[in-house]
Amino acid sequence: MIRSVAVAEEPAREWKLIWPSGSDGGSVRSSGSG
């Protein structure tokens, strides 16, 4: 779980570019986590 969190925090910006669907970023974190 720690690894996923750290990874979600760093690539959070990249994820936003890949998934512009989540403007807040919360959805992106949930998707990456699961």
Protein backbone atom coordinates (compact mmCIF):
# COMPACT_ATOMS: atom_id res chain seq x y z
CA MET A 1 0.00 0.00 0.00
CA ILE A 2 2.84 2.39 0.86
CA ARG A 3 4.36 1.83 -2.55
CA SER A 4 1.09 2.59 -4.37
CA VAL A 5 0.67 5.79 -2.34
CA ALA A 6 4.19 7.03 -3.06
CA VAL A 7 3.78 6.18 -6.73
CA ALA A 8 0.39 7.87 -6.88
CA GLU A 9 1.87 11.03 -5.40
CA GLU A 10 4.75 11.28 -7.86
CA PRO A 11 3.07 10.24 -11.16
CA ALA A 12 -0.04 12.14 -10.07
CA ARG A 13 0.86 14.82 -12.63
CA GLU A 14 1.47 12.27 -15.37
CA TRP A 15 -1.77 10.46 -14.52
CA LYS A 16 -3.64 13.75 -14.94
CA LEU A 17 -2.24 14.05 -18.46
CA ILE A 18 -3.18 10.43 -19.19
CA TRP A 19 -6.59 10.71 -17.51
CA PRO A 20 -7.79 14.32 -17.89
CA SER A 21 -11.17 12.93 -16.79
CA GLY A 22 -10.37 13.70 -13.13
CA SER A 23 -9.76 17.42 -12.74
CA ASP A 24 -9.67 17.15 -8.94
CA GLY A 25 -7.21 14.28 -9.03
CA GLY A 26 -9.08 12.33 -6.35
CA SER A 27 -10.56 10.00 -8.97
CA VAL A 28 -7.10 9.50 -10.44
CA ARG A 29 -5.71 8.46 -7.06
CA SER A 30 -8.57 6.00 -6.54
CA SER A 31 -8.04 4.51 -10.01
CA GLY A 32 -4.28 4.17 -9.54
CA SER A 33 -4.75 2.72 -6.06
CA GLY A 34 -7.20 0.09 -7.29
